[in-house]
Amino acid sequence: MSDDPDARRAEARAGWERVAAGWQRMQARLSAVGMPVSRWMVDALEPQPGTTVLELAAGVGETGFLVAELIAPGGGTLICSDGAQAMLKAAEQRAAELGVANVEFKQLELEWIDLPTASVDAVLCRWGYMLVLDPEAALRETRRVLRPGGRLALATWATLEHNPWGRVRNEALAAEGHPLPSPPTPFDLGTEELLRELLEQTGFAEIRTARVAVEFVHDDADDYWNTTLAISRHFAELVDSLDAAAVQALRTRMEQAVAPYATADGTLRFPGRALVAAAGA
């Protein structure tokens, strides 16, 4: 990992381009996990017909598509955006499958959103701010593009102690002497206090936060391994760098680590916790 911020951003973008296919393959599973979070965000946003909603870090598309039908009357538009072209292409394909027509697709970065000031009525960002080098800059940009009185709804992951699906992976990596993901990581904005502080610092008001419980279900340890390999850019890059013996050792270590989450039918069930927030511009 480079020390140069621009190089780190480029590395991250390349990583997301790489795992976009995995996110597309796992879309149904990830949708099931994240739906309670998306529903909270949509309810908090209170999307109105005829408005323009921007979704940042949309990935293969999900939360924004729930909003699209609500804003469609009166010519409402969803702007579905992501920093990775491959993610946007997957989102376009999914929109076509779902019949979502009132959507535009744009490649946008969170830390410098290439849209005019005060040009959108609402912003959604599920699991995006936590993964940028400068989340404060990203939130200031979000507030800039929001019209006065506009709304923001976002989600992050709580800390690792509340998300064993991520913790056991990191513990296995550490036990085998492999580097853990460098910041920013999914768990860096993991407390409601930190979320509220960031939103206040960047000029948002009427802030409310909440915790949303989720559950990750895997068929078995092999399924957990394959899913992690498909959607985690750090994990995929690390595994590619290892020889066969090191890969097998890591895989065995992870099988041991996930054993406490096995159920009577052999499936793995990991509890999880997301943090959500809503605020006004």
Protein backbone atom coordinates (compact mmCIF):
# COMPACT_ATOMS: atom_id res chain seq x y z
CA MET A 1 0.00 0.00 0.00
CA SER A 2 1.46 3.32 -1.11
CA ASP A 3 1.83 6.27 1.26
CA ASP A 4 0.71 8.66 -1.47
CA PRO A 5 -3.00 9.48 -1.05
CA ASP A 6 -3.70 9.65 -4.78
CA ALA A 7 -1.93 6.34 -5.34
CA ARG A 8 -3.94 4.76 -2.52
CA ARG A 9 -7.16 6.01 -4.08
CA ALA A 10 -6.12 4.57 -7.43
CA GLU A 11 -5.27 1.23 -5.80
CA ALA A 12 -8.62 1.13 -4.05
CA ARG A 13 -10.47 1.95 -7.27
CA ALA A 14 -8.62 -0.80 -9.12
CA GLY A 15 -9.50 -3.21 -6.34
CA TRP A 16 -13.21 -2.39 -6.61
CA GLU A 17 -13.05 -2.82 -10.37
CA ARG A 18 -11.61 -6.26 -9.75
CA VAL A 19 -14.22 -7.52 -7.29
CA ALA A 20 -17.25 -6.04 -9.08
CA ALA A 21 -17.93 -9.38 -10.77
CA GLY A 22 -17.98 -11.08 -7.38
CA TRP A 23 -20.42 -8.51 -6.01
CA GLN A 24 -22.62 -9.09 -9.05
CA ARG A 25 -22.57 -12.87 -8.52
CA MET A 26 -23.35 -12.46 -4.82
CA GLN A 27 -25.99 -9.78 -5.34
CA ALA A 28 -28.96 -11.82 -4.11
CA ARG A 29 -27.18 -12.85 -0.92
CA LEU A 30 -25.84 -9.37 -0.20
CA SER A 31 -29.25 -7.90 -0.89
CA ALA A 32 -30.83 -10.18 1.71
CA VAL A 33 -28.23 -9.19 4.29
CA GLY A 34 -28.49 -5.48 3.64
CA MET A 35 -32.23 -5.12 3.11
CA PRO A 36 -33.04 -4.11 6.73
CA VAL A 37 -30.42 -1.37 6.40
CA SER A 38 -31.68 -0.20 3.02
CA ARG A 39 -35.27 -0.10 4.27
CA TRP A 40 -34.27 2.05 7.25
CA MET A 41 -32.44 4.45 4.96
CA VAL A 42 -35.32 4.77 2.51
CA ASP A 43 -37.82 5.37 5.32
CA ALA A 44 -35.53 7.98 6.89
CA LEU A 45 -35.05 9.76 3.57
CA GLU A 46 -38.81 10.12 2.99
CA PRO A 47 -38.33 10.37 -0.80
CA GLN A 48 -40.89 12.56 -2.54
CA PRO A 49 -42.31 12.21 -6.08
CA GLY A 50 -40.61 14.36 -8.68
CA THR A 51 -37.35 14.82 -6.77
CA THR A 52 -33.75 13.99 -7.67
CA VAL A 53 -31.98 11.46 -5.46
CA LEU A 54 -28.25 10.77 -5.68
CA GLU A 55 -26.91 7.40 -4.56
CA LEU A 56 -23.18 7.42 -3.82
CA ALA A 57 -21.04 4.25 -3.78
CA ALA A 58 -24.02 2.37 -5.18
CA GLY A 59 -22.04 -0.73 -6.09
CA VAL A 60 -24.16 -3.03 -8.25
CA GLY A 61 -27.29 -1.05 -7.30
CA GLU A 62 -29.79 -1.79 -4.59
CA THR A 63 -30.84 0.89 -2.11
CA GLY A 64 -31.33 3.51 -4.78
CA PHE A 65 -33.53 1.22 -6.84
CA LEU A 66 -35.92 1.01 -3.88
CA VAL A 67 -36.24 4.79 -4.06
CA ALA A 68 -36.61 5.04 -7.82
CA GLU A 69 -40.23 3.90 -7.95
CA LEU A 70 -41.18 6.28 -5.12
CA ILE A 71 -39.83 9.38 -6.86
CA ALA A 72 -40.86 8.42 -10.40
CA PRO A 73 -44.23 10.25 -10.42
CA GLY A 74 -43.68 13.81 -11.58
CA GLY A 75 -40.42 12.99 -13.34
CA GLY A 76 -38.25 12.11 -10.36
CA THR A 77 -34.74 10.85 -11.16
CA LEU A 78 -32.29 8.56 -9.40
CA ILE A 79 -28.60 9.24 -10.07
CA CYS A 80 -26.84 5.94 -9.46
CA SER A 81 -23.12 6.52 -8.99
CA ASP A 82 -19.96 4.65 -8.09
CA GLY A 83 -16.24 5.17 -8.48
CA ALA A 84 -15.76 1.87 -10.34
CA GLN A 85 -16.93 1.51 -13.91
CA ALA A 86 -17.43 -2.24 -13.52
CA MET A 87 -19.79 -1.65 -10.58
CA LEU A 88 -21.80 0.84 -12.64
CA LYS A 89 -22.04 -1.59 -15.55
CA ALA A 90 -23.40 -4.24 -13.19
CA ALA A 91 -25.87 -1.72 -11.77
CA GLU A 92 -27.06 -0.83 -15.28
CA GLN A 93 -27.68 -4.51 -16.02
CA ARG A 94 -29.64 -4.91 -12.81
CA ALA A 95 -31.72 -1.81 -13.49
CA ALA A 96 -32.65 -3.25 -16.88
CA GLU A 97 -33.62 -6.56 -15.25
CA LEU A 98 -35.79 -4.75 -12.68
CA GLY A 99 -37.31 -2.39 -15.22
CA VAL A 100 -36.03 0.73 -13.44
CA ALA A 101 -36.20 3.44 -16.10
CA ASN A 102 -35.90 6.75 -14.22
CA VAL A 103 -32.21 6.34 -13.46
CA GLU A 104 -28.99 7.94 -14.70
CA PHE A 105 -25.59 6.32 -14.18
CA LYS A 106 -22.53 8.40 -13.37
CA GLN A 107 -18.98 7.59 -12.29
CA LEU A 108 -18.46 9.81 -9.25
CA GLU A 109 -15.95 9.96 -6.41
CA LEU A 110 -17.23 10.66 -2.90
CA GLU A 111 -14.47 13.13 -1.99
CA TRP A 112 -15.13 15.34 -5.04
CA ILE A 113 -18.61 14.86 -6.42
CA ASP A 114 -18.71 16.10 -10.01
CA LEU A 115 -22.17 17.66 -9.77
CA PRO A 116 -23.30 21.30 -9.43
CA THR A 117 -23.87 22.83 -6.01
CA ALA A 118 -27.42 22.40 -4.66
CA SER A 119 -28.41 20.10 -7.53
CA VAL A 120 -30.03 17.14 -5.74
CA ASP A 121 -32.83 16.81 -3.20
CA ALA A 122 -31.54 13.79 -1.30
CA VAL A 123 -28.48 11.53 -1.01
CA LEU A 124 -28.14 7.85 -0.13
CA CYS A 125 -24.84 6.20 0.73
CA ARG A 126 -24.82 2.69 2.14
CA TRP A 127 -21.37 1.53 3.28
CA GLY A 128 -19.43 4.14 1.31
CA TYR A 129 -18.14 6.93 3.58
CA MET A 130 -16.27 4.42 5.76
CA LEU A 131 -14.07 3.41 2.80
CA VAL A 132 -12.74 6.80 1.67
CA LEU A 133 -9.48 8.33 2.86
CA ASP A 134 -11.20 11.54 3.92
CA PRO A 135 -14.81 10.92 5.03
CA GLU A 136 -15.10 14.50 6.26
CA ALA A 137 -14.34 15.80 2.76
CA ALA A 138 -16.86 13.34 1.32
CA LEU A 139 -19.58 14.54 3.68
CA ARG A 140 -18.81 18.19 2.94
CA GLU A 141 -19.13 17.43 -0.76
CA THR A 142 -22.41 15.67 -0.07
CA ARG A 143 -23.76 18.71 1.74
CA ARG A 144 -22.56 20.94 -1.11
CA VAL A 145 -24.58 19.09 -3.76
CA LEU A 146 -27.71 18.94 -1.57
CA ARG A 147 -30.31 21.64 -1.98
CA PRO A 148 -31.25 23.60 1.18
CA GLY A 149 -33.48 21.36 3.24
CA GLY A 150 -32.22 18.25 1.46
CA ARG A 151 -31.80 14.95 3.27
CA LEU A 152 -28.98 12.44 3.68
CA ALA A 153 -29.30 8.81 4.74
CA LEU A 154 -26.17 6.71 5.23
CA ALA A 155 -24.96 3.44 6.70
CA THR A 156 -21.65 2.13 8.00
CA TRP A 157 -20.64 -1.01 9.88
CA ALA A 158 -20.30 -1.02 13.65
CA THR A 159 -16.97 -2.03 15.18
CA LEU A 160 -15.55 -5.53 14.72
CA GLU A 161 -16.73 -6.73 18.11
CA HIS A 162 -20.28 -6.49 16.74
CA ASN A 163 -19.42 -8.04 13.36
CA PRO A 164 -17.78 -11.45 13.79
CA TRP A 165 -18.10 -12.15 10.04
CA GLY A 166 -15.23 -9.68 9.65
CA ARG A 167 -13.48 -10.30 12.94
CA VAL A 168 -12.84 -14.03 12.40
CA ARG A 169 -11.30 -13.31 9.01
CA ASN A 170 -8.93 -10.74 10.52
CA GLU A 171 -8.05 -13.08 13.38
CA ALA A 172 -7.18 -15.83 10.91
CA LEU A 173 -5.04 -13.46 8.86
CA ALA A 174 -3.19 -12.28 11.96
CA ALA A 175 -2.66 -15.83 13.22
CA GLU A 176 -1.02 -16.77 9.92
CA GLY A 177 1.18 -13.67 9.97
CA HIS A 178 -0.56 -11.86 7.11
CA PRO A 179 -1.22 -8.10 7.04
CA LEU A 180 -4.64 -6.86 8.02
CA PRO A 181 -6.49 -4.40 5.78
CA SER A 182 -5.03 -0.91 6.00
CA PRO A 183 -7.33 2.00 6.81
CA PRO A 184 -9.83 2.92 5.61
CA THR A 185 -11.68 -0.26 6.56
CA PRO A 186 -15.42 -1.02 6.81
CA PHE A 187 -15.29 -0.63 10.59
CA ASP A 188 -13.53 2.72 10.95
CA LEU A 189 -16.74 4.72 11.49
CA GLY A 190 -18.05 2.13 13.89
CA THR A 191 -19.71 4.16 16.66
CA GLU A 192 -22.80 6.34 16.70
CA GLU A 193 -20.80 9.03 18.51
CA LEU A 194 -18.26 9.21 15.70
CA LEU A 195 -20.96 9.32 13.05
CA ARG A 196 -22.80 12.13 14.81
CA GLU A 197 -19.57 14.09 15.32
CA LEU A 198 -18.68 13.84 11.62
CA LEU A 199 -22.12 14.96 10.53
CA GLU A 200 -22.09 17.91 12.92
CA GLN A 201 -18.60 18.95 11.79
CA THR A 202 -19.69 18.96 8.16
CA GLY A 203 -22.72 21.16 8.75
CA PHE A 204 -25.59 18.68 8.91
CA ALA A 205 -28.50 19.16 11.30
CA GLU A 206 -31.45 17.19 12.68
CA ILE A 207 -29.18 14.18 13.03
CA ARG A 208 -30.47 10.85 14.20
CA THR A 209 -28.64 7.56 14.40
CA ALA A 210 -29.63 3.96 15.04
CA ARG A 211 -28.34 0.39 15.06
CA VAL A 212 -29.67 -2.23 12.67
CA ALA A 213 -29.12 -5.94 13.24
CA VAL A 214 -28.26 -8.10 10.23
CA GLU A 215 -27.29 -11.73 9.74
CA PHE A 216 -24.83 -13.34 7.35
CA VAL A 217 -25.70 -16.94 6.45
CA HIS A 218 -23.28 -19.29 4.68
CA ASP A 219 -23.76 -22.88 3.60
CA ASP A 220 -20.51 -23.96 5.27
CA ALA A 221 -16.90 -22.90 5.80
CA ASP A 222 -16.11 -23.30 2.09
CA ASP A 223 -18.96 -20.97 1.22
CA TYR A 224 -17.66 -18.40 3.73
CA TRP A 225 -14.19 -18.63 2.16
CA ASN A 226 -15.50 -18.27 -1.40
CA THR A 227 -17.77 -15.36 -0.51
CA THR A 228 -14.95 -13.51 1.23
CA LEU A 229 -12.70 -14.13 -1.76
CA ALA A 230 -15.35 -12.79 -4.13
CA ILE A 231 -16.22 -9.52 -2.39
CA SER A 232 -13.20 -8.48 -0.30
CA ARG A 233 -10.59 -6.76 -2.43
CA HIS A 234 -7.92 -6.96 0.30
CA PHE A 235 -8.52 -10.66 0.86
CA ALA A 236 -8.55 -11.48 -2.85
CA GLU A 237 -5.29 -9.62 -3.46
CA LEU A 238 -3.64 -11.30 -0.49
CA VAL A 239 -4.69 -14.82 -1.49
CA ASP A 240 -3.39 -14.22 -5.01
CA SER A 241 0.01 -13.38 -3.57
CA LEU A 242 0.35 -16.62 -1.56
CA ASP A 243 1.68 -20.01 -2.58
CA ALA A 244 -0.54 -23.09 -2.39
CA ALA A 245 0.70 -24.14 1.06
CA ALA A 246 0.06 -20.70 2.57
CA VAL A 247 -3.41 -20.56 1.02
CA GLN A 248 -4.28 -23.95 2.50
CA ALA A 249 -2.95 -22.93 5.91
CA LEU A 250 -5.07 -19.77 5.87
CA ARG A 251 -8.10 -21.71 4.72
CA THR A 252 -7.69 -24.25 7.53
CA ARG A 253 -7.27 -21.44 10.05
CA MET A 254 -10.48 -19.81 8.85
CA GLU A 255 -12.39 -23.11 9.05
CA GLN A 256 -11.35 -23.36 12.69
CA ALA A 257 -12.26 -19.73 13.36
CA VAL A 258 -15.81 -20.00 12.02
CA ALA A 259 -16.64 -23.23 13.87
CA PRO A 260 -18.39 -21.44 16.80
CA TYR A 261 -20.93 -20.02 14.34
CA ALA A 262 -21.97 -23.40 12.89
CA THR A 263 -25.57 -24.49 13.47
CA ALA A 264 -27.08 -27.96 13.75
CA ASP A 265 -27.72 -28.17 9.99
CA GLY A 266 -24.12 -27.22 9.19
CA THR A 267 -24.78 -23.66 8.04
CA LEU A 268 -22.85 -20.74 9.46
CA ARG A 269 -24.78 -17.83 10.95
CA PHE A 270 -22.92 -14.65 11.81
CA PRO A 271 -24.70 -11.84 13.64
CA GLY A 272 -23.86 -8.37 12.46
CA ARG A 273 -24.59 -4.75 13.26
CA ALA A 274 -24.84 -1.79 10.93
CA LEU A 275 -25.04 1.83 12.02
CA VAL A 276 -27.39 4.14 10.17
CA ALA A 277 -27.85 7.88 10.23
CA ALA A 278 -30.14 10.49 8.73
CA ALA A 279 -29.56 14.24 8.64
CA GLY A 280 -30.69 17.42 6.95
CA ALA A 281 -28.65 19.92 4.96
